[in-house]
Amino acid sequence: MIIVHHLNNSRSQRILWLLEELGLDYEIRKYQRDPKTMLAPPELKAVHPLGKSPVISDGDTVVAESGAIVEYLVKRYGKGRLAPAEDTPERLRWTYFLHFAEGSAMPPLLLKLIFDRIEHGPMPFFVRPIAGAIARKVKQDFILPNIRSQLDFLEGELNKSTWFAGEEFSAADIQMSFALEASSSRGGLDGKYPKLAAFLERIHARPAYQSALERGGKYELVK
């Protein structure tokens, strides 16, 4: 039995979605973020030394990192589903977006979250003007331009094909979902990006996505 060690409002939601798309049986073990720090609870370190989610257990095999989990599940259980054929241009795009989602798309979104908290979070009154000015400058000159550049790039990619790896829905779209949901929630994905907005509408309407939400619980990245 596959066990998903599932943290609320996290990347592990898309692993539940992948398992629903594959029609696999699985068990969920739920963990809650610390309401003050928003970090994962220490209990997750009993599963994997870094104490982060997603992590899956499949018998004696433990796999961490979203991209690695996606590749493992698709290779072991996909039976040709949710991945283009090997040695095709679509497969290369599939591999690219599996890695792009975390390697390129997420870092500036995480930086924006951190600097938003610096700008608006509690601190001594005499520090606030300086900290706020630095946070706004970093966001204006570095973080927001990077996010806009990536959204422009992704909008263009969906002008080339219906889905990120081609005309067929695949695990690359599942992997990309978290970054785009985060962009929609707090990263500037708005009406200027109709292809990306339509992508989010399509994935949110999928029955497997809805089933994963029902099983995983509250997911605040979805507007």
C-alpha atoms as a PDB file:
ATOM      1  CA  MET A   1       0.000   0.000   0.000  1.00  0.00           C
ATOM      2  CA  ILE A   2       1.275   3.440  -0.929  1.00  0.00           C
ATOM      3  CA  ILE A   3       1.264   5.852   2.007  1.00  0.00           C
ATOM      4  CA  VAL A   4       1.296   9.597   1.380  1.00  0.00           C
ATOM      5  CA  HIS A   5       2.636  11.642   4.269  1.00  0.00           C
ATOM      6  CA  HIS A   6       0.466  14.649   3.573  1.00  0.00           C
ATOM      7  CA  LEU A   7       1.040  18.150   4.932  1.00  0.00           C
ATOM      8  CA  ASN A   8      -1.842  20.613   4.710  1.00  0.00           C
ATOM      9  CA  ASN A   9      -1.571  23.359   2.062  1.00  0.00           C
ATOM     10  CA  SER A  10       1.545  21.864   0.546  1.00  0.00           C
ATOM     11  CA  ARG A  11       3.009  20.276  -2.531  1.00  0.00           C
ATOM     12  CA  SER A  12       1.774  16.887  -1.354  1.00  0.00           C
ATOM     13  CA  GLN A  13      -1.706  17.781  -2.617  1.00  0.00           C
ATOM     14  CA  ARG A  14      -0.538  17.210  -6.168  1.00  0.00           C
ATOM     15  CA  ILE A  15       0.772  13.747  -5.234  1.00  0.00           C
ATOM     16  CA  LEU A  16      -2.733  12.841  -4.075  1.00  0.00           C
ATOM     17  CA  TRP A  17      -4.016  14.164  -7.386  1.00  0.00           C
ATOM     18  CA  LEU A  18      -1.517  12.051  -9.345  1.00  0.00           C
ATOM     19  CA  LEU A  19      -2.558   8.930  -7.459  1.00  0.00           C
ATOM     20  CA  GLU A  20      -6.200   9.688  -8.205  1.00  0.00           C
ATOM     21  CA  GLU A  21      -5.412  10.140 -11.906  1.00  0.00           C
ATOM     22  CA  LEU A  22      -3.617   6.778 -11.891  1.00  0.00           C
ATOM     23  CA  GLY A  23      -6.501   5.124 -10.038  1.00  0.00           C
ATOM     24  CA  LEU A  24      -4.215   3.684  -7.357  1.00  0.00           C
ATOM     25  CA  ASP A  25      -5.142   2.688  -3.834  1.00  0.00           C
ATOM     26  CA  TYR A  26      -3.324   4.705  -1.195  1.00  0.00           C
ATOM     27  CA  GLU A  27      -3.453   5.744   2.426  1.00  0.00           C
ATOM     28  CA  ILE A  28      -3.072   9.306   3.713  1.00  0.00           C
ATOM     29  CA  ARG A  29      -1.283  10.164   6.929  1.00  0.00           C
ATOM     30  CA  LYS A  30      -2.033  13.802   7.657  1.00  0.00           C
ATOM     31  CA  TYR A  31       0.240  16.336   9.307  1.00  0.00           C
ATOM     32  CA  GLN A  32      -0.564  19.940  10.220  1.00  0.00           C
ATOM     33  CA  ARG A  33       1.693  22.964   9.917  1.00  0.00           C
ATOM     34  CA  ASP A  34       2.657  24.863  13.039  1.00  0.00           C
ATOM     35  CA  PRO A  35       0.204  27.810  13.022  1.00  0.00           C
ATOM     36  CA  LYS A  36       2.937  30.284  14.038  1.00  0.00           C
ATOM     37  CA  THR A  37       5.914  29.192  11.953  1.00  0.00           C
ATOM     38  CA  MET A  38       3.931  27.452   9.165  1.00  0.00           C
ATOM     39  CA  LEU A  39       6.601  24.744   9.222  1.00  0.00           C
ATOM     40  CA  ALA A  40       5.976  21.003   9.132  1.00  0.00           C
ATOM     41  CA  PRO A  41       5.722  19.219  12.499  1.00  0.00           C
ATOM     42  CA  PRO A  42       8.744  17.289  13.815  1.00  0.00           C
ATOM     43  CA  GLU A  43       6.871  13.992  13.402  1.00  0.00           C
ATOM     44  CA  LEU A  44       7.703  14.053   9.698  1.00  0.00           C
ATOM     45  CA  LYS A  45      11.385  13.567  10.535  1.00  0.00           C
ATOM     46  CA  ALA A  46      10.530  10.040  11.565  1.00  0.00           C
ATOM     47  CA  VAL A  47       9.628   9.408   7.928  1.00  0.00           C
ATOM     48  CA  HIS A  48      12.453  11.326   6.239  1.00  0.00           C
ATOM     49  CA  PRO A  49      15.425  13.105   7.867  1.00  0.00           C
ATOM     50  CA  LEU A  50      14.542  16.500   6.376  1.00  0.00           C
ATOM     51  CA  GLY A  51      11.066  16.370   7.880  1.00  0.00           C
ATOM     52  CA  LYS A  52       9.327  17.802   4.840  1.00  0.00           C
ATOM     53  CA  SER A  53       6.361  16.825   2.685  1.00  0.00           C
ATOM     54  CA  PRO A  54       5.604  15.286   0.264  1.00  0.00           C
ATOM     55  CA  VAL A  55       7.039  11.927   1.148  1.00  0.00           C
ATOM     56  CA  ILE A  56       5.602   8.582   0.141  1.00  0.00           C
ATOM     57  CA  SER A  57       6.202   5.108   1.486  1.00  0.00           C
ATOM     58  CA  ASP A  58       5.704   2.203  -0.878  1.00  0.00           C
ATOM     59  CA  GLY A  59       6.520  -0.948   1.043  1.00  0.00           C
ATOM     60  CA  ASP A  60      10.130  -0.519   2.147  1.00  0.00           C
ATOM     61  CA  THR A  61      10.743   2.264  -0.361  1.00  0.00           C
ATOM     62  CA  VAL A  62      10.611   5.876   0.816  1.00  0.00           C
ATOM     63  CA  VAL A  63      10.642   8.615  -1.816  1.00  0.00           C
ATOM     64  CA  ALA A  64      10.851  12.347  -1.123  1.00  0.00           C
ATOM     65  CA  GLU A  65      10.772  15.423  -3.420  1.00  0.00           C
ATOM     66  CA  SER A  66       7.768  16.053  -5.651  1.00  0.00           C
ATOM     67  CA  GLY A  67       9.522  15.507  -8.970  1.00  0.00           C
ATOM     68  CA  ALA A  68      11.146  12.268  -7.831  1.00  0.00           C
ATOM     69  CA  ILE A  69       7.820  10.995  -6.479  1.00  0.00           C
ATOM     70  CA  VAL A  70       6.050  11.838  -9.738  1.00  0.00           C
ATOM     71  CA  GLU A  71       8.687  10.045 -11.807  1.00  0.00           C
ATOM     72  CA  TYR A  72       8.661   7.027  -9.484  1.00  0.00           C
ATOM     73  CA  LEU A  73       4.893   6.618  -9.548  1.00  0.00           C
ATOM     74  CA  VAL A  74       4.543   7.155 -13.285  1.00  0.00           C
ATOM     75  CA  LYS A  75       7.372   4.745 -14.084  1.00  0.00           C
ATOM     76  CA  ARG A  76       6.255   2.039 -11.669  1.00  0.00           C
ATOM     77  CA  TYR A  77       2.476   2.261 -11.971  1.00  0.00           C
ATOM     78  CA  GLY A  78       1.678   4.437 -14.966  1.00  0.00           C
ATOM     79  CA  LYS A  79       1.660   1.697 -17.629  1.00  0.00           C
ATOM     80  CA  GLY A  80       2.233   4.351 -20.280  1.00  0.00           C
ATOM     81  CA  ARG A  81      -0.192   6.856 -18.788  1.00  0.00           C
ATOM     82  CA  LEU A  82       0.565  10.491 -17.969  1.00  0.00           C
ATOM     83  CA  ALA A  83       3.904  10.544 -19.793  1.00  0.00           C
ATOM     84  CA  PRO A  84       4.695  10.905 -23.508  1.00  0.00           C
ATOM     85  CA  ALA A  85       6.583   8.162 -25.297  1.00  0.00           C
ATOM     86  CA  GLU A  86      10.341   7.986 -24.801  1.00  0.00           C
ATOM     87  CA  ASP A  87      12.613   9.726 -27.326  1.00  0.00           C
ATOM     88  CA  THR A  88       9.969  12.194 -28.482  1.00  0.00           C
ATOM     89  CA  PRO A  89       9.966  16.009 -28.311  1.00  0.00           C
ATOM     90  CA  GLU A  90       6.977  15.761 -25.967  1.00  0.00           C
ATOM     91  CA  ARG A  91       8.944  13.564 -23.556  1.00  0.00           C
ATOM     92  CA  LEU A  92      11.740  16.119 -23.445  1.00  0.00           C
ATOM     93  CA  ARG A  93       9.216  18.863 -22.637  1.00  0.00           C
ATOM     94  CA  TRP A  94       7.691  16.585 -20.006  1.00  0.00           C
ATOM     95  CA  THR A  95      11.061  16.125 -18.299  1.00  0.00           C
ATOM     96  CA  TYR A  96      11.822  19.830 -18.588  1.00  0.00           C
ATOM     97  CA  PHE A  97       8.625  20.936 -16.848  1.00  0.00           C
ATOM     98  CA  LEU A  98       8.958  18.282 -14.135  1.00  0.00           C
ATOM     99  CA  HIS A  99      12.198  20.023 -13.161  1.00  0.00           C
ATOM    100  CA  PHE A 100      11.204  23.599 -14.048  1.00  0.00           C
ATOM    101  CA  ALA A 101       8.330  23.545 -11.556  1.00  0.00           C
ATOM    102  CA  GLU A 102      10.618  23.416  -8.528  1.00  0.00           C
ATOM    103  CA  GLY A 103      13.978  24.434  -9.979  1.00  0.00           C
ATOM    104  CA  SER A 104      12.862  27.721 -11.584  1.00  0.00           C
ATOM    105  CA  ALA A 105       9.203  28.498 -10.896  1.00  0.00           C
ATOM    106  CA  MET A 106       9.086  28.141  -7.115  1.00  0.00           C
ATOM    107  CA  PRO A 107      12.204  30.017  -5.852  1.00  0.00           C
ATOM    108  CA  PRO A 108      11.007  33.563  -6.704  1.00  0.00           C
ATOM    109  CA  LEU A 109       7.539  32.763  -5.339  1.00  0.00           C
ATOM    110  CA  LEU A 110       9.103  31.590  -2.088  1.00  0.00           C
ATOM    111  CA  LEU A 111      11.248  34.724  -1.953  1.00  0.00           C
ATOM    112  CA  LYS A 112       8.155  36.874  -2.437  1.00  0.00           C
ATOM    113  CA  LEU A 113       6.429  35.090   0.444  1.00  0.00           C
ATOM    114  CA  ILE A 114       9.451  35.674   2.699  1.00  0.00           C
ATOM    115  CA  PHE A 115       9.862  39.347   1.787  1.00  0.00           C
ATOM    116  CA  ASP A 116       6.121  39.977   2.125  1.00  0.00           C
ATOM    117  CA  ARG A 117       6.415  38.698   5.690  1.00  0.00           C
ATOM    118  CA  ILE A 118       9.445  40.893   6.326  1.00  0.00           C
ATOM    119  CA  GLU A 119       7.574  43.911   5.007  1.00  0.00           C
ATOM    120  CA  HIS A 120       4.357  43.323   6.931  1.00  0.00           C
ATOM    121  CA  GLY A 121       5.365  41.124   9.857  1.00  0.00           C
ATOM    122  CA  PRO A 122       5.731  42.184  13.514  1.00  0.00           C
ATOM    123  CA  MET A 123       9.015  43.875  14.459  1.00  0.00           C
ATOM    124  CA  PRO A 124      10.262  46.773  16.620  1.00  0.00           C
ATOM    125  CA  PHE A 125       8.836  50.096  15.376  1.00  0.00           C
ATOM    126  CA  PHE A 126      12.255  51.651  14.827  1.00  0.00           C
ATOM    127  CA  VAL A 127      13.295  48.805  12.495  1.00  0.00           C
ATOM    128  CA  ARG A 128      10.085  48.665  10.461  1.00  0.00           C
ATOM    129  CA  PRO A 129      10.803  51.590   8.043  1.00  0.00           C
ATOM    130  CA  ILE A 130      14.241  50.224   7.128  1.00  0.00           C
ATOM    131  CA  ALA A 131      13.134  46.591   6.833  1.00  0.00           C
ATOM    132  CA  GLY A 132      10.064  47.602   4.831  1.00  0.00           C
ATOM    133  CA  ALA A 133      12.104  49.730   2.438  1.00  0.00           C
ATOM    134  CA  ILE A 134      14.626  46.933   1.853  1.00  0.00           C
ATOM    135  CA  ALA A 135      11.872  44.350   1.306  1.00  0.00           C
ATOM    136  CA  ARG A 136      10.032  46.559  -1.188  1.00  0.00           C
ATOM    137  CA  LYS A 137      13.261  47.305  -3.074  1.00  0.00           C
ATOM    138  CA  VAL A 138      14.222  43.643  -3.368  1.00  0.00           C
ATOM    139  CA  LYS A 139      10.729  42.726  -4.566  1.00  0.00           C
ATOM    140  CA  GLN A 140      10.561  45.585  -7.049  1.00  0.00           C
ATOM    141  CA  ASP A 141      14.031  45.119  -8.562  1.00  0.00           C
ATOM    142  CA  PHE A 142      14.463  41.356  -8.440  1.00  0.00           C
ATOM    143  CA  ILE A 143      11.606  39.157  -7.291  1.00  0.00           C
ATOM    144  CA  LEU A 144       8.602  40.574  -9.154  1.00  0.00           C
ATOM    145  CA  PRO A 145      10.444  40.955 -12.495  1.00  0.00           C
ATOM    146  CA  ASN A 146      11.504  37.312 -12.251  1.00  0.00           C
ATOM    147  CA  ILE A 147       7.961  36.171 -11.539  1.00  0.00           C
ATOM    148  CA  ARG A 148       6.584  38.212 -14.443  1.00  0.00           C
ATOM    149  CA  SER A 149       9.258  36.855 -16.768  1.00  0.00           C
ATOM    150  CA  GLN A 150       8.358  33.293 -15.843  1.00  0.00           C
ATOM    151  CA  LEU A 151       4.635  33.876 -16.251  1.00  0.00           C
ATOM    152  CA  ASP A 152       5.263  35.437 -19.667  1.00  0.00           C
ATOM    153  CA  PHE A 153       7.332  32.392 -20.631  1.00  0.00           C
ATOM    154  CA  LEU A 154       4.712  29.912 -19.429  1.00  0.00           C
ATOM    155  CA  GLU A 155       1.899  31.792 -21.153  1.00  0.00           C
ATOM    156  CA  GLY A 156       3.892  31.493 -24.368  1.00  0.00           C
ATOM    157  CA  GLU A 157       4.435  27.785 -23.850  1.00  0.00           C
ATOM    158  CA  LEU A 158       0.692  27.212 -23.604  1.00  0.00           C
ATOM    159  CA  ASN A 159       0.291  29.065 -26.879  1.00  0.00           C
ATOM    160  CA  LYS A 160       2.271  26.198 -28.428  1.00  0.00           C
ATOM    161  CA  SER A 161       0.175  23.334 -27.056  1.00  0.00           C
ATOM    162  CA  THR A 162      -2.853  22.643 -24.899  1.00  0.00           C
ATOM    163  CA  TRP A 163      -0.799  21.164 -22.063  1.00  0.00           C
ATOM    164  CA  PHE A 164       2.777  21.697 -20.968  1.00  0.00           C
ATOM    165  CA  ALA A 165       4.165  18.548 -22.594  1.00  0.00           C
ATOM    166  CA  GLY A 166       1.974  18.642 -25.698  1.00  0.00           C
ATOM    167  CA  GLU A 167      -1.639  18.017 -26.621  1.00  0.00           C
ATOM    168  CA  GLU A 168      -2.182  15.324 -23.977  1.00  0.00           C
ATOM    169  CA  PHE A 169      -2.609  15.958 -20.255  1.00  0.00           C
ATOM    170  CA  SER A 170       0.339  14.508 -18.331  1.00  0.00           C
ATOM    171  CA  ALA A 171       2.124  14.377 -15.008  1.00  0.00           C
ATOM    172  CA  ALA A 172       4.045  17.494 -16.075  1.00  0.00           C
ATOM    173  CA  ASP A 173       0.799  19.442 -15.698  1.00  0.00           C
ATOM    174  CA  ILE A 174       0.292  17.992 -12.235  1.00  0.00           C
ATOM    175  CA  GLN A 175       3.821  18.990 -11.281  1.00  0.00           C
ATOM    176  CA  MET A 176       3.338  22.525 -12.630  1.00  0.00           C
ATOM    177  CA  SER A 177       0.040  23.019 -10.805  1.00  0.00           C
ATOM    178  CA  PHE A 178       1.454  24.070  -7.426  1.00  0.00           C
ATOM    179  CA  ALA A 179       3.603  26.877  -8.824  1.00  0.00           C
ATOM    180  CA  LEU A 180       0.726  28.232 -10.885  1.00  0.00           C
ATOM    181  CA  GLU A 181      -1.727  28.006  -7.999  1.00  0.00           C
ATOM    182  CA  ALA A 182       0.787  29.861  -5.844  1.00  0.00           C
ATOM    183  CA  SER A 183       1.187  32.459  -8.606  1.00  0.00           C
ATOM    184  CA  SER A 184      -2.570  32.879  -8.795  1.00  0.00           C
ATOM    185  CA  SER A 185      -2.829  33.201  -5.029  1.00  0.00           C
ATOM    186  CA  ARG A 186       0.033  35.609  -4.421  1.00  0.00           C
ATOM    187  CA  GLY A 187       2.306  35.934  -7.445  1.00  0.00           C
ATOM    188  CA  GLY A 188       0.528  38.079 -10.008  1.00  0.00           C
ATOM    189  CA  LEU A 189      -1.152  35.492 -12.220  1.00  0.00           C
ATOM    190  CA  ASP A 190      -4.204  37.463 -13.326  1.00  0.00           C
ATOM    191  CA  GLY A 191      -6.229  38.289 -16.421  1.00  0.00           C
ATOM    192  CA  LYS A 192      -3.086  39.241 -18.346  1.00  0.00           C
ATOM    193  CA  TYR A 193      -2.368  35.522 -18.636  1.00  0.00           C
ATOM    194  CA  PRO A 194      -5.487  33.945 -20.177  1.00  0.00           C
ATOM    195  CA  LYS A 195      -3.788  30.677 -21.177  1.00  0.00           C
ATOM    196  CA  LEU A 196      -2.506  30.093 -17.652  1.00  0.00           C
ATOM    197  CA  ALA A 197      -5.860  31.040 -16.140  1.00  0.00           C
ATOM    198  CA  ALA A 198      -7.588  28.605 -18.494  1.00  0.00           C
ATOM    199  CA  PHE A 199      -5.075  25.908 -17.530  1.00  0.00           C
ATOM    200  CA  LEU A 200      -6.000  26.329 -13.865  1.00  0.00           C
ATOM    201  CA  GLU A 201      -9.701  26.155 -14.692  1.00  0.00           C
ATOM    202  CA  ARG A 202      -9.174  22.936 -16.642  1.00  0.00           C
ATOM    203  CA  ILE A 203      -7.180  21.166 -13.955  1.00  0.00           C
ATOM    204  CA  HIS A 204      -9.536  22.253 -11.174  1.00  0.00           C
ATOM    205  CA  ALA A 205     -12.445  20.764 -13.115  1.00  0.00           C
ATOM    206  CA  ARG A 206     -10.846  17.328 -13.434  1.00  0.00           C
ATOM    207  CA  PRO A 207     -12.650  14.654 -11.387  1.00  0.00           C
ATOM    208  CA  ALA A 208      -9.364  13.281 -10.055  1.00  0.00           C
ATOM    209  CA  TYR A 209      -8.369  16.749  -8.846  1.00  0.00           C
ATOM    210  CA  GLN A 210     -11.669  17.094  -7.028  1.00  0.00           C
ATOM    211  CA  SER A 211     -11.317  13.630  -5.484  1.00  0.00           C
ATOM    212  CA  ALA A 212      -7.831  14.508  -4.232  1.00  0.00           C
ATOM    213  CA  LEU A 213      -9.213  17.659  -2.583  1.00  0.00           C
ATOM    214  CA  GLU A 214     -11.919  15.646  -0.863  1.00  0.00           C
ATOM    215  CA  ARG A 215      -9.396  13.197   0.522  1.00  0.00           C
ATOM    216  CA  GLY A 216      -6.645  15.681   1.310  1.00  0.00           C
ATOM    217  CA  GLY A 217      -8.755  18.311   3.032  1.00  0.00           C
ATOM    218  CA  LYS A 218      -8.607  22.089   3.023  1.00  0.00           C
ATOM    219  CA  TYR A 219      -6.241  23.502   0.403  1.00  0.00           C
ATOM    220  CA  GLU A 220      -5.941  27.267   0.604  1.00  0.00           C
ATOM    221  CA  LEU A 221      -3.862  27.780  -2.543  1.00  0.00           C
ATOM    222  CA  VAL A 222      -7.026  27.303  -4.581  1.00  0.00           C
ATOM    223  CA  LYS A 223      -8.999  30.551  -4.799  1.00  0.00           C
END
